[in-house]
Amino acid sequence: AAAALLSITLVPVLIAAVLREGLRGWQIFRSLLYLPHVIGVVLISLLFSIFLADTGPLNAFLTWIGLGAVPWLSHSKVAIHTLGGLLGVWWEIGFGSIYFLAAMSTIDPDLYDAANIDGAGWWRTLFSVTIPSVMFAIQFWLVKSFITVFARMWGGIFLLTKGGPGYSTTTLEYGIYVKGFGDYRMGYASSWAVVLFGFCAIIAIAQIYLIRRKQI
């Protein structure tokens, strides 16, 4: 989960920083990046359940070029990273890029001018000017991403792996569904729901604290 949260945050920040530089045709890139979010998780999951199958097109191509098939969804250690990359990073990358691009548009241009005068390179400017200036937006995005990872991946998990192999891709959210509507253990599922609510509440309270601290 920690790796997924880092990727969900870092990748959109980097893309937004590149787009902020005025990349030629950046409107087209923005539209392409946002496309997965528009399509929706159900259609994406259905398409990739076929594309990433053991006998699917991707493995057929990898086998054809001599690399061999990869158990994208049938091996526990691979499946969790496949889901994290697909539903965590790729599906959220468009919305996150636009979100951070909007946050970066509020940064005072004088800060970048001062960095250029001091001879700061692109990476130094990113870590010394851009990221500190949008830190509050990053904190909010982390909270949103945490909730996404733990409470908004049911559709993708159900259509791609059904929590498997084993329990490798079972989240609290999916576990609630399995226990409540699969095993008909509503009391057990309710206890899981309370735990999930507690996780989300703690993160939300922490975010409120950060907001109030920033306003002081």
N, C-alpha and C. Protein backbone atom coordinates (compact mmCIF):
# COMPACT_ATOMS: atom_id res chain seq x y z
N ALA A 1 0.83 -1.20 0.00
CA ALA A 1 0.00 0.00 0.00
C ALA A 1 0.86 1.25 0.00
N ALA A 2 1.97 1.22 0.74
CA ALA A 2 2.84 2.39 0.80
C ALA A 2 3.45 2.70 -0.56
N ALA A 3 3.88 1.63 -1.27
CA ALA A 3 4.44 1.83 -2.60
C ALA A 3 3.40 2.37 -3.57
N ALA A 4 2.16 1.86 -3.45
CA ALA A 4 1.09 2.33 -4.32
C ALA A 4 0.80 3.80 -4.05
N LEU A 5 0.71 4.19 -2.78
CA LEU A 5 0.44 5.58 -2.44
C LEU A 5 1.55 6.50 -2.95
N LEU A 6 2.80 6.06 -2.82
CA LEU A 6 3.92 6.86 -3.31
C LEU A 6 3.84 7.04 -4.82
N SER A 7 3.53 5.95 -5.53
CA SER A 7 3.44 6.02 -6.99
C SER A 7 2.27 6.88 -7.45
N ILE A 8 1.11 6.70 -6.78
CA ILE A 8 -0.08 7.47 -7.13
C ILE A 8 0.17 8.96 -6.98
N THR A 9 1.03 9.34 -6.04
CA THR A 9 1.31 10.75 -5.79
C THR A 9 2.46 11.27 -6.64
N LEU A 10 3.56 10.52 -6.69
CA LEU A 10 4.77 11.00 -7.34
C LEU A 10 4.60 11.12 -8.85
N VAL A 11 3.99 10.12 -9.48
CA VAL A 11 3.86 10.13 -10.95
C VAL A 11 3.04 11.32 -11.44
N PRO A 12 1.84 11.60 -10.89
CA PRO A 12 1.10 12.78 -11.34
C PRO A 12 1.83 14.09 -11.08
N VAL A 13 2.56 14.18 -9.97
CA VAL A 13 3.32 15.40 -9.70
C VAL A 13 4.37 15.63 -10.78
N LEU A 14 5.10 14.58 -11.14
CA LEU A 14 6.13 14.71 -12.18
C LEU A 14 5.52 15.09 -13.53
N ILE A 15 4.40 14.44 -13.89
CA ILE A 15 3.75 14.75 -15.16
C ILE A 15 3.24 16.18 -15.17
N ALA A 16 2.63 16.61 -14.08
CA ALA A 16 2.14 17.99 -14.00
C ALA A 16 3.29 18.99 -14.09
N ALA A 17 4.43 18.66 -13.48
CA ALA A 17 5.58 19.56 -13.55
C ALA A 17 6.09 19.68 -14.99
N VAL A 18 6.06 18.58 -15.73
CA VAL A 18 6.48 18.62 -17.14
C VAL A 18 5.49 19.43 -17.97
N LEU A 19 4.19 19.19 -17.76
CA LEU A 19 3.17 19.92 -18.51
C LEU A 19 3.19 21.41 -18.19
N ARG A 20 3.56 21.75 -16.96
CA ARG A 20 3.61 23.16 -16.57
C ARG A 20 4.65 23.94 -17.36
N GLU A 21 5.65 23.24 -17.87
CA GLU A 21 6.71 23.89 -18.63
C GLU A 21 6.24 24.35 -20.00
N GLY A 22 4.98 24.02 -20.35
CA GLY A 22 4.47 24.44 -21.65
C GLY A 22 4.85 23.49 -22.77
N LEU A 23 4.81 22.19 -22.50
CA LEU A 23 5.12 21.18 -23.49
C LEU A 23 4.21 21.33 -24.69
N ARG A 24 4.77 21.29 -25.89
CA ARG A 24 3.98 21.46 -27.10
C ARG A 24 2.92 20.35 -27.19
N GLY A 25 1.70 20.77 -27.44
CA GLY A 25 0.59 19.83 -27.52
C GLY A 25 0.16 19.29 -26.18
N TRP A 26 0.39 20.05 -25.12
CA TRP A 26 0.10 19.54 -23.78
C TRP A 26 -1.39 19.32 -23.56
N GLN A 27 -2.25 20.06 -24.29
CA GLN A 27 -3.68 19.83 -24.16
C GLN A 27 -4.05 18.41 -24.60
N ILE A 28 -3.39 17.94 -25.68
CA ILE A 28 -3.64 16.58 -26.16
C ILE A 28 -3.17 15.56 -25.13
N PHE A 29 -1.98 15.78 -24.56
CA PHE A 29 -1.47 14.87 -23.54
C PHE A 29 -2.40 14.84 -22.32
N ARG A 30 -2.91 16.01 -21.96
CA ARG A 30 -3.82 16.08 -20.82
C ARG A 30 -5.08 15.27 -21.07
N SER A 31 -5.61 15.36 -22.28
CA SER A 31 -6.82 14.60 -22.63
C SER A 31 -6.55 13.10 -22.62
N LEU A 32 -5.40 12.68 -23.16
CA LEU A 32 -5.06 11.27 -23.19
C LEU A 32 -4.85 10.72 -21.78
N LEU A 33 -4.22 11.52 -20.93
CA LEU A 33 -3.97 11.08 -19.56
C LEU A 33 -5.27 10.95 -18.78
N TYR A 34 -6.24 11.82 -19.08
CA TYR A 34 -7.49 11.80 -18.33
C TYR A 34 -8.46 10.75 -18.86
N LEU A 35 -8.19 10.21 -20.03
CA LEU A 35 -9.10 9.26 -20.67
C LEU A 35 -9.44 8.06 -19.79
N PRO A 36 -8.46 7.40 -19.11
CA PRO A 36 -8.82 6.25 -18.26
C PRO A 36 -9.85 6.59 -17.19
N HIS A 37 -9.76 7.79 -16.62
CA HIS A 37 -10.70 8.19 -15.58
C HIS A 37 -12.10 8.38 -16.16
N VAL A 38 -12.17 8.81 -17.41
CA VAL A 38 -13.46 9.01 -18.07
C VAL A 38 -14.10 7.66 -18.41
N ILE A 39 -13.29 6.73 -18.88
CA ILE A 39 -13.81 5.42 -19.28
C ILE A 39 -14.45 4.70 -18.10
N GLY A 40 -13.83 4.78 -16.94
CA GLY A 40 -14.40 4.12 -15.77
C GLY A 40 -13.72 2.81 -15.45
N VAL A 41 -13.75 2.47 -14.17
CA VAL A 41 -13.00 1.32 -13.68
C VAL A 41 -13.61 0.00 -14.17
N VAL A 42 -14.92 -0.06 -14.38
CA VAL A 42 -15.56 -1.32 -14.78
C VAL A 42 -15.11 -1.71 -16.19
N LEU A 43 -15.22 -0.77 -17.13
CA LEU A 43 -14.83 -1.07 -18.50
C LEU A 43 -13.33 -1.36 -18.59
N ILE A 44 -12.53 -0.60 -17.88
CA ILE A 44 -11.08 -0.82 -17.88
C ILE A 44 -10.76 -2.22 -17.34
N SER A 45 -11.42 -2.60 -16.26
CA SER A 45 -11.16 -3.91 -15.66
C SER A 45 -11.57 -5.04 -16.59
N LEU A 46 -12.70 -4.88 -17.26
CA LEU A 46 -13.13 -5.90 -18.21
C LEU A 46 -12.15 -6.05 -19.36
N LEU A 47 -11.68 -4.92 -19.88
CA LEU A 47 -10.73 -4.97 -20.98
C LEU A 47 -9.41 -5.61 -20.56
N PHE A 48 -8.90 -5.22 -19.40
CA PHE A 48 -7.61 -5.74 -18.96
C PHE A 48 -7.71 -7.16 -18.43
N SER A 49 -8.90 -7.62 -18.02
CA SER A 49 -9.05 -9.02 -17.63
C SER A 49 -8.82 -9.93 -18.83
N ILE A 50 -9.12 -9.42 -20.02
CA ILE A 50 -8.84 -10.16 -21.26
C ILE A 50 -7.40 -9.95 -21.70
N PHE A 51 -6.96 -8.70 -21.66
CA PHE A 51 -5.63 -8.34 -22.15
C PHE A 51 -4.52 -8.96 -21.32
N LEU A 52 -4.74 -9.07 -19.99
CA LEU A 52 -3.70 -9.57 -19.09
C LEU A 52 -3.88 -11.03 -18.70
N ALA A 53 -4.82 -11.72 -19.33
CA ALA A 53 -5.02 -13.14 -19.03
C ALA A 53 -3.77 -13.95 -19.39
N ASP A 54 -3.64 -15.11 -18.76
CA ASP A 54 -2.46 -15.96 -19.01
C ASP A 54 -2.32 -16.31 -20.49
N THR A 55 -3.45 -16.44 -21.17
CA THR A 55 -3.42 -16.72 -22.61
C THR A 55 -3.89 -15.51 -23.43
N GLY A 56 -3.77 -14.33 -22.82
CA GLY A 56 -4.24 -13.11 -23.47
C GLY A 56 -3.26 -12.54 -24.48
N PRO A 57 -3.63 -11.44 -25.12
CA PRO A 57 -2.80 -10.83 -26.16
C PRO A 57 -1.41 -10.41 -25.68
N LEU A 58 -1.31 -9.85 -24.47
CA LEU A 58 -0.01 -9.38 -23.99
C LEU A 58 0.96 -10.54 -23.82
N ASN A 59 0.52 -11.62 -23.18
CA ASN A 59 1.40 -12.78 -23.00
C ASN A 59 1.70 -13.47 -24.33
N ALA A 60 0.76 -13.44 -25.25
CA ALA A 60 1.02 -14.00 -26.57
C ALA A 60 2.14 -13.21 -27.27
N PHE A 61 2.11 -11.89 -27.12
CA PHE A 61 3.16 -11.06 -27.71
C PHE A 61 4.50 -11.29 -27.02
N LEU A 62 4.50 -11.35 -25.69
CA LEU A 62 5.75 -11.58 -24.95
C LEU A 62 6.36 -12.94 -25.31
N THR A 63 5.51 -13.93 -25.47
CA THR A 63 5.99 -15.25 -25.87
C THR A 63 6.55 -15.23 -27.29
N TRP A 64 5.90 -14.48 -28.15
CA TRP A 64 6.32 -14.39 -29.56
C TRP A 64 7.70 -13.76 -29.70
N ILE A 65 8.00 -12.76 -28.84
CA ILE A 65 9.31 -12.11 -28.91
C ILE A 65 10.36 -12.82 -28.04
N GLY A 66 9.95 -13.92 -27.40
CA GLY A 66 10.92 -14.73 -26.67
C GLY A 66 11.08 -14.41 -25.20
N LEU A 67 10.25 -13.55 -24.64
CA LEU A 67 10.38 -13.19 -23.23
C LEU A 67 9.61 -14.13 -22.32
N GLY A 68 8.62 -14.78 -22.85
CA GLY A 68 7.83 -15.70 -22.04
C GLY A 68 6.64 -15.02 -21.38
N ALA A 69 5.64 -15.81 -21.04
CA ALA A 69 4.42 -15.28 -20.44
C ALA A 69 4.66 -14.85 -18.99
N VAL A 70 3.90 -13.87 -18.56
CA VAL A 70 3.97 -13.36 -17.18
C VAL A 70 2.60 -13.58 -16.53
N PRO A 71 2.56 -14.15 -15.32
CA PRO A 71 1.28 -14.38 -14.64
C PRO A 71 0.75 -13.09 -14.01
N TRP A 72 0.30 -12.18 -14.85
CA TRP A 72 -0.11 -10.84 -14.39
C TRP A 72 -1.16 -10.91 -13.29
N LEU A 73 -2.13 -11.80 -13.42
CA LEU A 73 -3.24 -11.85 -12.48
C LEU A 73 -3.35 -13.19 -11.75
N SER A 74 -2.47 -14.12 -12.04
CA SER A 74 -2.57 -15.46 -11.47
C SER A 74 -1.47 -15.78 -10.47
N HIS A 75 -0.56 -14.86 -10.21
CA HIS A 75 0.49 -15.07 -9.22
C HIS A 75 0.35 -13.99 -8.16
N SER A 76 0.39 -14.39 -6.91
CA SER A 76 0.07 -13.46 -5.81
C SER A 76 0.98 -12.23 -5.79
N LYS A 77 2.29 -12.43 -5.95
CA LYS A 77 3.21 -11.30 -5.87
C LYS A 77 3.13 -10.39 -7.08
N VAL A 78 2.71 -10.95 -8.22
CA VAL A 78 2.59 -10.15 -9.43
C VAL A 78 1.24 -9.45 -9.49
N ALA A 79 0.19 -10.15 -9.07
CA ALA A 79 -1.17 -9.62 -9.17
C ALA A 79 -1.35 -8.35 -8.36
N ILE A 80 -0.79 -8.30 -7.16
CA ILE A 80 -0.96 -7.12 -6.32
C ILE A 80 -0.32 -5.89 -6.95
N HIS A 81 0.84 -6.09 -7.60
CA HIS A 81 1.49 -4.96 -8.27
C HIS A 81 0.77 -4.60 -9.56
N THR A 82 0.19 -5.59 -10.23
CA THR A 82 -0.59 -5.30 -11.43
C THR A 82 -1.80 -4.44 -11.09
N LEU A 83 -2.51 -4.82 -10.04
CA LEU A 83 -3.67 -4.04 -9.62
C LEU A 83 -3.28 -2.66 -9.15
N GLY A 84 -2.18 -2.57 -8.39
CA GLY A 84 -1.72 -1.26 -7.92
C GLY A 84 -1.34 -0.34 -9.07
N GLY A 85 -0.65 -0.90 -10.06
CA GLY A 85 -0.26 -0.09 -11.21
C GLY A 85 -1.42 0.30 -12.09
N LEU A 86 -2.38 -0.62 -12.25
CA LEU A 86 -3.50 -0.38 -13.15
C LEU A 86 -4.56 0.51 -12.51
N LEU A 87 -5.06 0.11 -11.34
CA LEU A 87 -6.15 0.83 -10.70
C LEU A 87 -5.67 1.97 -9.81
N GLY A 88 -4.43 1.87 -9.34
CA GLY A 88 -3.91 2.93 -8.50
C GLY A 88 -3.26 4.04 -9.29
N VAL A 89 -2.26 3.68 -10.08
CA VAL A 89 -1.46 4.70 -10.77
C VAL A 89 -2.09 5.09 -12.10
N TRP A 90 -2.30 4.11 -12.99
CA TRP A 90 -2.74 4.44 -14.35
C TRP A 90 -4.14 5.06 -14.38
N TRP A 91 -5.07 4.51 -13.60
CA TRP A 91 -6.44 5.02 -13.61
C TRP A 91 -6.52 6.41 -12.99
N GLU A 92 -5.67 6.71 -12.02
CA GLU A 92 -5.71 7.99 -11.32
C GLU A 92 -4.76 9.02 -11.91
N ILE A 93 -3.93 8.62 -12.85
CA ILE A 93 -2.86 9.49 -13.31
C ILE A 93 -3.39 10.76 -13.99
N GLY A 94 -4.48 10.64 -14.75
CA GLY A 94 -5.02 11.79 -15.45
C GLY A 94 -5.60 12.82 -14.51
N PHE A 95 -6.46 12.36 -13.60
CA PHE A 95 -7.07 13.27 -12.63
C PHE A 95 -6.01 13.90 -11.74
N GLY A 96 -5.04 13.08 -11.32
CA GLY A 96 -3.98 13.61 -10.47
C GLY A 96 -3.13 14.65 -11.17
N SER A 97 -2.82 14.42 -12.45
CA SER A 97 -2.00 15.38 -13.20
C SER A 97 -2.71 16.71 -13.34
N ILE A 98 -4.00 16.69 -13.66
CA ILE A 98 -4.76 17.93 -13.79
C ILE A 98 -4.90 18.63 -12.44
N TYR A 99 -5.10 17.83 -11.40
CA TYR A 99 -5.21 18.39 -10.05
C TYR A 99 -3.93 19.12 -9.65
N PHE A 100 -2.78 18.48 -9.85
CA PHE A 100 -1.53 19.12 -9.47
C PHE A 100 -1.15 20.25 -10.43
N LEU A 101 -1.56 20.13 -11.69
CA LEU A 101 -1.31 21.21 -12.64
C LEU A 101 -2.07 22.46 -12.22
N ALA A 102 -3.29 22.29 -11.74
CA ALA A 102 -4.06 23.42 -11.24
C ALA A 102 -3.41 24.02 -10.00
N ALA A 103 -2.89 23.15 -9.13
CA ALA A 103 -2.22 23.64 -7.92
C ALA A 103 -0.94 24.41 -8.28
N MET A 104 -0.21 23.91 -9.28
CA MET A 104 1.03 24.58 -9.68
C MET A 104 0.79 25.91 -10.38
N SER A 105 -0.40 26.08 -10.94
CA SER A 105 -0.69 27.34 -11.63
C SER A 105 -0.80 28.51 -10.65
N THR A 106 -0.94 28.20 -9.36
CA THR A 106 -1.06 29.26 -8.35
C THR A 106 0.30 29.67 -7.78
N ILE A 107 1.37 29.00 -8.20
CA ILE A 107 2.70 29.33 -7.68
C ILE A 107 3.17 30.64 -8.28
N ASP A 108 3.75 31.48 -7.45
CA ASP A 108 4.26 32.78 -7.90
C ASP A 108 5.39 32.58 -8.92
N PRO A 109 5.26 33.10 -10.14
CA PRO A 109 6.32 32.94 -11.15
C PRO A 109 7.67 33.52 -10.71
N ASP A 110 7.63 34.47 -9.79
CA ASP A 110 8.88 35.06 -9.31
C ASP A 110 9.78 34.02 -8.64
N LEU A 111 9.16 33.01 -8.04
CA LEU A 111 9.95 31.96 -7.41
C LEU A 111 10.77 31.18 -8.44
N TYR A 112 10.16 30.92 -9.58
CA TYR A 112 10.88 30.22 -10.65
C TYR A 112 11.95 31.12 -11.26
N ASP A 113 11.66 32.40 -11.38
CA ASP A 113 12.66 33.34 -11.89
C ASP A 113 13.88 33.40 -10.97
N ALA A 114 13.61 33.42 -9.67
CA ALA A 114 14.71 33.43 -8.70
C ALA A 114 15.53 32.15 -8.79
N ALA A 115 14.85 31.00 -8.98
CA ALA A 115 15.56 29.73 -9.10
C ALA A 115 16.42 29.72 -10.35
N ASN A 116 15.91 30.26 -11.45
CA ASN A 116 16.70 30.32 -12.69
C ASN A 116 17.92 31.20 -12.52
N ILE A 117 17.75 32.33 -11.83
CA ILE A 117 18.88 33.25 -11.60
C ILE A 117 19.95 32.56 -10.76
N ASP A 118 19.52 31.75 -9.80
CA ASP A 118 20.46 31.03 -8.94
C ASP A 118 21.09 29.83 -9.64
N GLY A 119 20.65 29.54 -10.87
CA GLY A 119 21.22 28.43 -11.63
C GLY A 119 20.68 27.08 -11.27
N ALA A 120 19.50 27.03 -10.67
CA ALA A 120 18.91 25.75 -10.29
C ALA A 120 18.42 25.01 -11.53
N GLY A 121 18.70 23.72 -11.59
CA GLY A 121 18.23 22.89 -12.70
C GLY A 121 16.77 22.49 -12.50
N TRP A 122 16.29 21.67 -13.45
CA TRP A 122 14.88 21.30 -13.40
C TRP A 122 14.54 20.51 -12.14
N TRP A 123 15.36 19.55 -11.80
CA TRP A 123 15.09 18.72 -10.63
C TRP A 123 15.22 19.52 -9.33
N ARG A 124 16.22 20.38 -9.26
CA ARG A 124 16.39 21.21 -8.06
C ARG A 124 15.20 22.15 -7.90
N THR A 125 14.73 22.71 -9.02
CA THR A 125 13.56 23.59 -8.96
C THR A 125 12.33 22.82 -8.53
N LEU A 126 12.21 21.57 -9.01
CA LEU A 126 11.06 20.76 -8.64
C LEU A 126 11.00 20.53 -7.14
N PHE A 127 12.14 20.14 -6.54
CA PHE A 127 12.15 19.78 -5.12
C PHE A 127 12.29 20.99 -4.19
N SER A 128 12.79 22.11 -4.72
CA SER A 128 13.00 23.28 -3.87
C SER A 128 11.91 24.33 -4.02
N VAL A 129 11.21 24.33 -5.15
CA VAL A 129 10.19 25.34 -5.39
C VAL A 129 8.81 24.71 -5.58
N THR A 130 8.70 23.83 -6.56
CA THR A 130 7.38 23.31 -6.94
C THR A 130 6.74 22.49 -5.84
N ILE A 131 7.44 21.45 -5.38
CA ILE A 131 6.85 20.56 -4.38
C ILE A 131 6.54 21.27 -3.07
N PRO A 132 7.45 22.09 -2.51
CA PRO A 132 7.09 22.82 -1.28
C PRO A 132 5.89 23.75 -1.48
N SER A 133 5.74 24.30 -2.67
CA SER A 133 4.64 25.24 -2.92
C SER A 133 3.29 24.55 -3.01
N VAL A 134 3.29 23.28 -3.40
CA VAL A 134 2.02 22.54 -3.53
C VAL A 134 1.92 21.44 -2.47
N MET A 135 2.65 21.60 -1.38
CA MET A 135 2.66 20.55 -0.36
C MET A 135 1.28 20.29 0.22
N PHE A 136 0.50 21.35 0.40
CA PHE A 136 -0.84 21.16 0.95
C PHE A 136 -1.69 20.33 -0.02
N ALA A 137 -1.56 20.59 -1.32
CA ALA A 137 -2.29 19.81 -2.32
C ALA A 137 -1.83 18.35 -2.29
N ILE A 138 -0.54 18.12 -2.08
CA ILE A 138 -0.01 16.76 -2.00
C ILE A 138 -0.56 16.05 -0.78
N GLN A 139 -0.65 16.74 0.35
CA GLN A 139 -1.20 16.13 1.56
C GLN A 139 -2.66 15.73 1.35
N PHE A 140 -3.42 16.61 0.72
CA PHE A 140 -4.82 16.28 0.46
C PHE A 140 -4.94 15.10 -0.50
N TRP A 141 -4.06 15.06 -1.51
CA TRP A 141 -4.09 13.97 -2.47
C TRP A 141 -3.72 12.64 -1.81
N LEU A 142 -2.81 12.66 -0.87
CA LEU A 142 -2.44 11.45 -0.15
C LEU A 142 -3.63 10.89 0.62
N VAL A 143 -4.40 11.78 1.24
CA VAL A 143 -5.59 11.34 1.97
C VAL A 143 -6.59 10.71 1.00
N LYS A 144 -6.81 11.38 -0.11
CA LYS A 144 -7.74 10.86 -1.11
C LYS A 144 -7.25 9.53 -1.67
N SER A 145 -5.96 9.40 -1.91
CA SER A 145 -5.40 8.17 -2.45
C SER A 145 -5.48 7.03 -1.45
N PHE A 146 -5.25 7.35 -0.18
CA PHE A 146 -5.37 6.32 0.87
C PHE A 146 -6.78 5.74 0.87
N ILE A 147 -7.78 6.61 0.81
CA ILE A 147 -9.16 6.14 0.79
C ILE A 147 -9.44 5.34 -0.48
N THR A 148 -8.84 5.77 -1.60
CA THR A 148 -9.03 5.04 -2.86
C THR A 148 -8.48 3.63 -2.77
N VAL A 149 -7.27 3.49 -2.22
CA VAL A 149 -6.63 2.18 -2.13
C VAL A 149 -7.41 1.24 -1.23
N PHE A 150 -7.94 1.75 -0.12
CA PHE A 150 -8.59 0.89 0.85
C PHE A 150 -10.09 0.76 0.66
N ALA A 151 -10.72 1.72 -0.02
CA ALA A 151 -12.19 1.70 -0.06
C ALA A 151 -12.80 1.99 -1.41
N ARG A 152 -12.02 2.04 -2.49
CA ARG A 152 -12.62 2.35 -3.79
C ARG A 152 -12.07 1.46 -4.91
N MET A 153 -11.63 0.26 -4.58
CA MET A 153 -11.07 -0.63 -5.59
C MET A 153 -11.89 -1.90 -5.76
N TRP A 154 -13.10 -1.91 -5.22
CA TRP A 154 -13.91 -3.12 -5.25
C TRP A 154 -14.19 -3.58 -6.68
N GLY A 155 -14.59 -2.65 -7.54
CA GLY A 155 -14.94 -3.03 -8.91
C GLY A 155 -13.80 -3.69 -9.65
N GLY A 156 -12.61 -3.10 -9.55
CA GLY A 156 -11.45 -3.67 -10.23
C GLY A 156 -11.05 -5.02 -9.68
N ILE A 157 -11.06 -5.15 -8.35
CA ILE A 157 -10.69 -6.42 -7.73
C ILE A 157 -11.70 -7.51 -8.10
N PHE A 158 -12.98 -7.17 -8.06
CA PHE A 158 -14.02 -8.16 -8.37
C PHE A 158 -13.91 -8.67 -9.81
N LEU A 159 -13.64 -7.77 -10.74
CA LEU A 159 -13.61 -8.15 -12.15
C LEU A 159 -12.28 -8.77 -12.58
N LEU A 160 -11.19 -8.40 -11.92
CA LEU A 160 -9.87 -8.86 -12.35
C LEU A 160 -9.38 -10.10 -11.59
N THR A 161 -9.49 -10.09 -10.27
CA THR A 161 -8.86 -11.17 -9.48
C THR A 161 -9.79 -11.82 -8.47
N LYS A 162 -10.90 -11.16 -8.15
CA LYS A 162 -11.81 -11.65 -7.09
C LYS A 162 -11.06 -11.89 -5.78
N GLY A 163 -10.12 -11.01 -5.50
CA GLY A 163 -9.38 -11.09 -4.25
C GLY A 163 -8.20 -12.02 -4.25
N GLY A 164 -8.01 -12.77 -5.31
CA GLY A 164 -6.93 -13.76 -5.37
C GLY A 164 -5.74 -13.27 -6.16
N PRO A 165 -4.80 -14.16 -6.40
CA PRO A 165 -4.75 -15.56 -5.94
C PRO A 165 -4.64 -15.64 -4.41
N GLY A 166 -5.35 -16.56 -3.83
CA GLY A 166 -5.42 -16.63 -2.38
C GLY A 166 -6.14 -15.40 -1.86
N TYR A 167 -5.45 -14.66 -0.96
CA TYR A 167 -5.99 -13.41 -0.46
C TYR A 167 -5.06 -12.24 -0.79
N SER A 168 -4.22 -12.42 -1.79
CA SER A 168 -3.17 -11.44 -2.08
C SER A 168 -3.71 -10.09 -2.51
N THR A 169 -4.88 -10.04 -3.13
CA THR A 169 -5.45 -8.76 -3.57
C THR A 169 -6.76 -8.44 -2.86
N THR A 170 -6.96 -9.06 -1.71
CA THR A 170 -8.18 -8.79 -0.93
C THR A 170 -7.95 -7.59 -0.02
N THR A 171 -8.75 -6.56 -0.20
CA THR A 171 -8.71 -5.38 0.65
C THR A 171 -9.83 -5.46 1.69
N LEU A 172 -9.83 -4.53 2.63
CA LEU A 172 -10.90 -4.50 3.62
C LEU A 172 -12.25 -4.35 2.93
N GLU A 173 -12.30 -3.49 1.94
CA GLU A 173 -13.55 -3.26 1.22
C GLU A 173 -14.06 -4.54 0.56
N TYR A 174 -13.16 -5.24 -0.14
CA TYR A 174 -13.58 -6.46 -0.82
C TYR A 174 -13.88 -7.56 0.20
N GLY A 175 -13.13 -7.58 1.30
CA GLY A 175 -13.40 -8.55 2.35
C GLY A 175 -14.79 -8.38 2.95
N ILE A 176 -15.24 -7.13 3.08
CA ILE A 176 -16.58 -6.87 3.59
C ILE A 176 -17.63 -7.48 2.66
N TYR A 177 -17.41 -7.31 1.36
CA TYR A 177 -18.34 -7.88 0.38
C TYR A 177 -18.36 -9.40 0.45
N VAL A 178 -17.18 -10.02 0.52
CA VAL A 178 -17.10 -11.48 0.55
C VAL A 178 -17.77 -12.04 1.80
N LYS A 179 -17.45 -11.45 2.96
CA LYS A 179 -18.01 -11.97 4.20
C LYS A 179 -19.51 -11.71 4.31
N GLY A 180 -19.95 -10.55 3.82
CA GLY A 180 -21.35 -10.20 3.96
C GLY A 180 -22.25 -10.85 2.93
N PHE A 181 -21.83 -10.81 1.65
CA PHE A 181 -22.70 -11.28 0.58
C PHE A 181 -22.25 -12.62 -0.02
N GLY A 182 -21.05 -13.07 0.34
CA GLY A 182 -20.59 -14.38 -0.13
C GLY A 182 -20.79 -15.45 0.93
N ASP A 183 -20.31 -15.16 2.15
CA ASP A 183 -20.44 -16.12 3.24
C ASP A 183 -21.68 -15.85 4.11
N TYR A 184 -22.38 -14.74 3.87
CA TYR A 184 -23.57 -14.35 4.62
C TYR A 184 -23.27 -14.22 6.12
N ARG A 185 -22.10 -13.70 6.43
CA ARG A 185 -21.72 -13.43 7.82
C ARG A 185 -21.78 -11.93 8.02
N MET A 186 -22.98 -11.41 8.14
CA MET A 186 -23.19 -9.97 8.18
C MET A 186 -22.55 -9.32 9.41
N GLY A 187 -22.57 -10.01 10.54
CA GLY A 187 -21.95 -9.46 11.73
C GLY A 187 -20.45 -9.29 11.57
N TYR A 188 -19.81 -10.33 11.00
CA TYR A 188 -18.37 -10.26 10.75
C TYR A 188 -18.06 -9.17 9.74
N ALA A 189 -18.88 -9.07 8.68
CA ALA A 189 -18.67 -8.03 7.67
C ALA A 189 -18.85 -6.65 8.28
N SER A 190 -19.81 -6.52 9.20
CA SER A 190 -20.03 -5.22 9.86
C SER A 190 -18.83 -4.80 10.70
N SER A 191 -18.20 -5.78 11.35
CA SER A 191 -17.01 -5.45 12.14
C SER A 191 -15.87 -4.98 11.25
N TRP A 192 -15.74 -5.60 10.08
CA TRP A 192 -14.74 -5.16 9.11
C TRP A 192 -15.06 -3.74 8.65
N ALA A 193 -16.35 -3.45 8.45
CA ALA A 193 -16.75 -2.12 8.00
C ALA A 193 -16.40 -1.07 9.05
N VAL A 194 -16.54 -1.43 10.32
CA VAL A 194 -16.17 -0.49 11.39
C VAL A 194 -14.68 -0.20 11.35
N VAL A 195 -13.88 -1.24 11.12
CA VAL A 195 -12.43 -1.06 11.02
C VAL A 195 -12.09 -0.16 9.84
N LEU A 196 -12.74 -0.40 8.70
CA LEU A 196 -12.50 0.43 7.52
C LEU A 196 -12.89 1.88 7.79
N PHE A 197 -14.03 2.08 8.44
CA PHE A 197 -14.46 3.43 8.80
C PHE A 197 -13.44 4.09 9.72
N GLY A 198 -12.90 3.30 10.66
CA GLY A 198 -11.90 3.86 11.57
C GLY A 198 -10.66 4.33 10.85
N PHE A 199 -10.17 3.52 9.89
CA PHE A 199 -9.01 3.92 9.10
C PHE A 199 -9.27 5.24 8.38
N CYS A 200 -10.40 5.31 7.67
CA CYS A 200 -10.73 6.50 6.89
C CYS A 200 -10.94 7.71 7.80
N ALA A 201 -11.57 7.48 8.96
CA ALA A 201 -11.82 8.59 9.89
C ALA A 201 -10.52 9.16 10.44
N ILE A 202 -9.58 8.28 10.77
CA ILE A 202 -8.29 8.75 11.30
C ILE A 202 -7.57 9.62 10.27
N ILE A 203 -7.57 9.16 9.02
CA ILE A 203 -6.92 9.93 7.96
C ILE A 203 -7.64 11.25 7.73
N ALA A 204 -8.98 11.23 7.75
CA ALA A 204 -9.74 12.46 7.56
C ALA A 204 -9.49 13.46 8.69
N ILE A 205 -9.44 12.97 9.91
CA ILE A 205 -9.16 13.85 11.05
C ILE A 205 -7.76 14.45 10.94
N ALA A 206 -6.81 13.64 10.51
CA ALA A 206 -5.45 14.15 10.32
C ALA A 206 -5.43 15.24 9.26
N GLN A 207 -6.21 15.06 8.19
CA GLN A 207 -6.28 16.07 7.14
C GLN A 207 -6.89 17.36 7.67
N ILE A 208 -7.96 17.26 8.46
CA ILE A 208 -8.58 18.45 9.05
C ILE A 208 -7.59 19.17 9.94
N TYR A 209 -6.81 18.41 10.70
CA TYR A 209 -5.79 19.01 11.57
C TYR A 209 -4.77 19.78 10.75
N LEU A 210 -4.35 19.20 9.62
CA LEU A 210 -3.37 19.88 8.77
C LEU A 210 -3.95 21.15 8.16
N ILE A 211 -5.23 21.11 7.79
CA ILE A 211 -5.88 22.28 7.23
C ILE A 211 -5.91 23.42 8.26
N ARG A 212 -6.33 23.09 9.48
CA ARG A 212 -6.40 24.10 10.53
C ARG A 212 -5.02 24.62 10.90
N ARG A 213 -4.05 23.73 10.90
CA ARG A 213 -2.67 24.15 11.22
C ARG A 213 -2.14 25.11 10.18
N LYS A 214 -2.50 24.86 8.91
CA LYS A 214 -2.03 25.74 7.84
C LYS A 214 -2.68 27.11 7.91
N GLN A 215 -3.92 27.16 8.39
CA GLN A 215 -4.65 28.41 8.45
C GLN A 215 -4.20 29.29 9.61
N ILE A 216 -3.54 28.68 10.61
CA ILE A 216 -3.08 29.45 11.77
C ILE A 216 -1.90 30.34 11.39
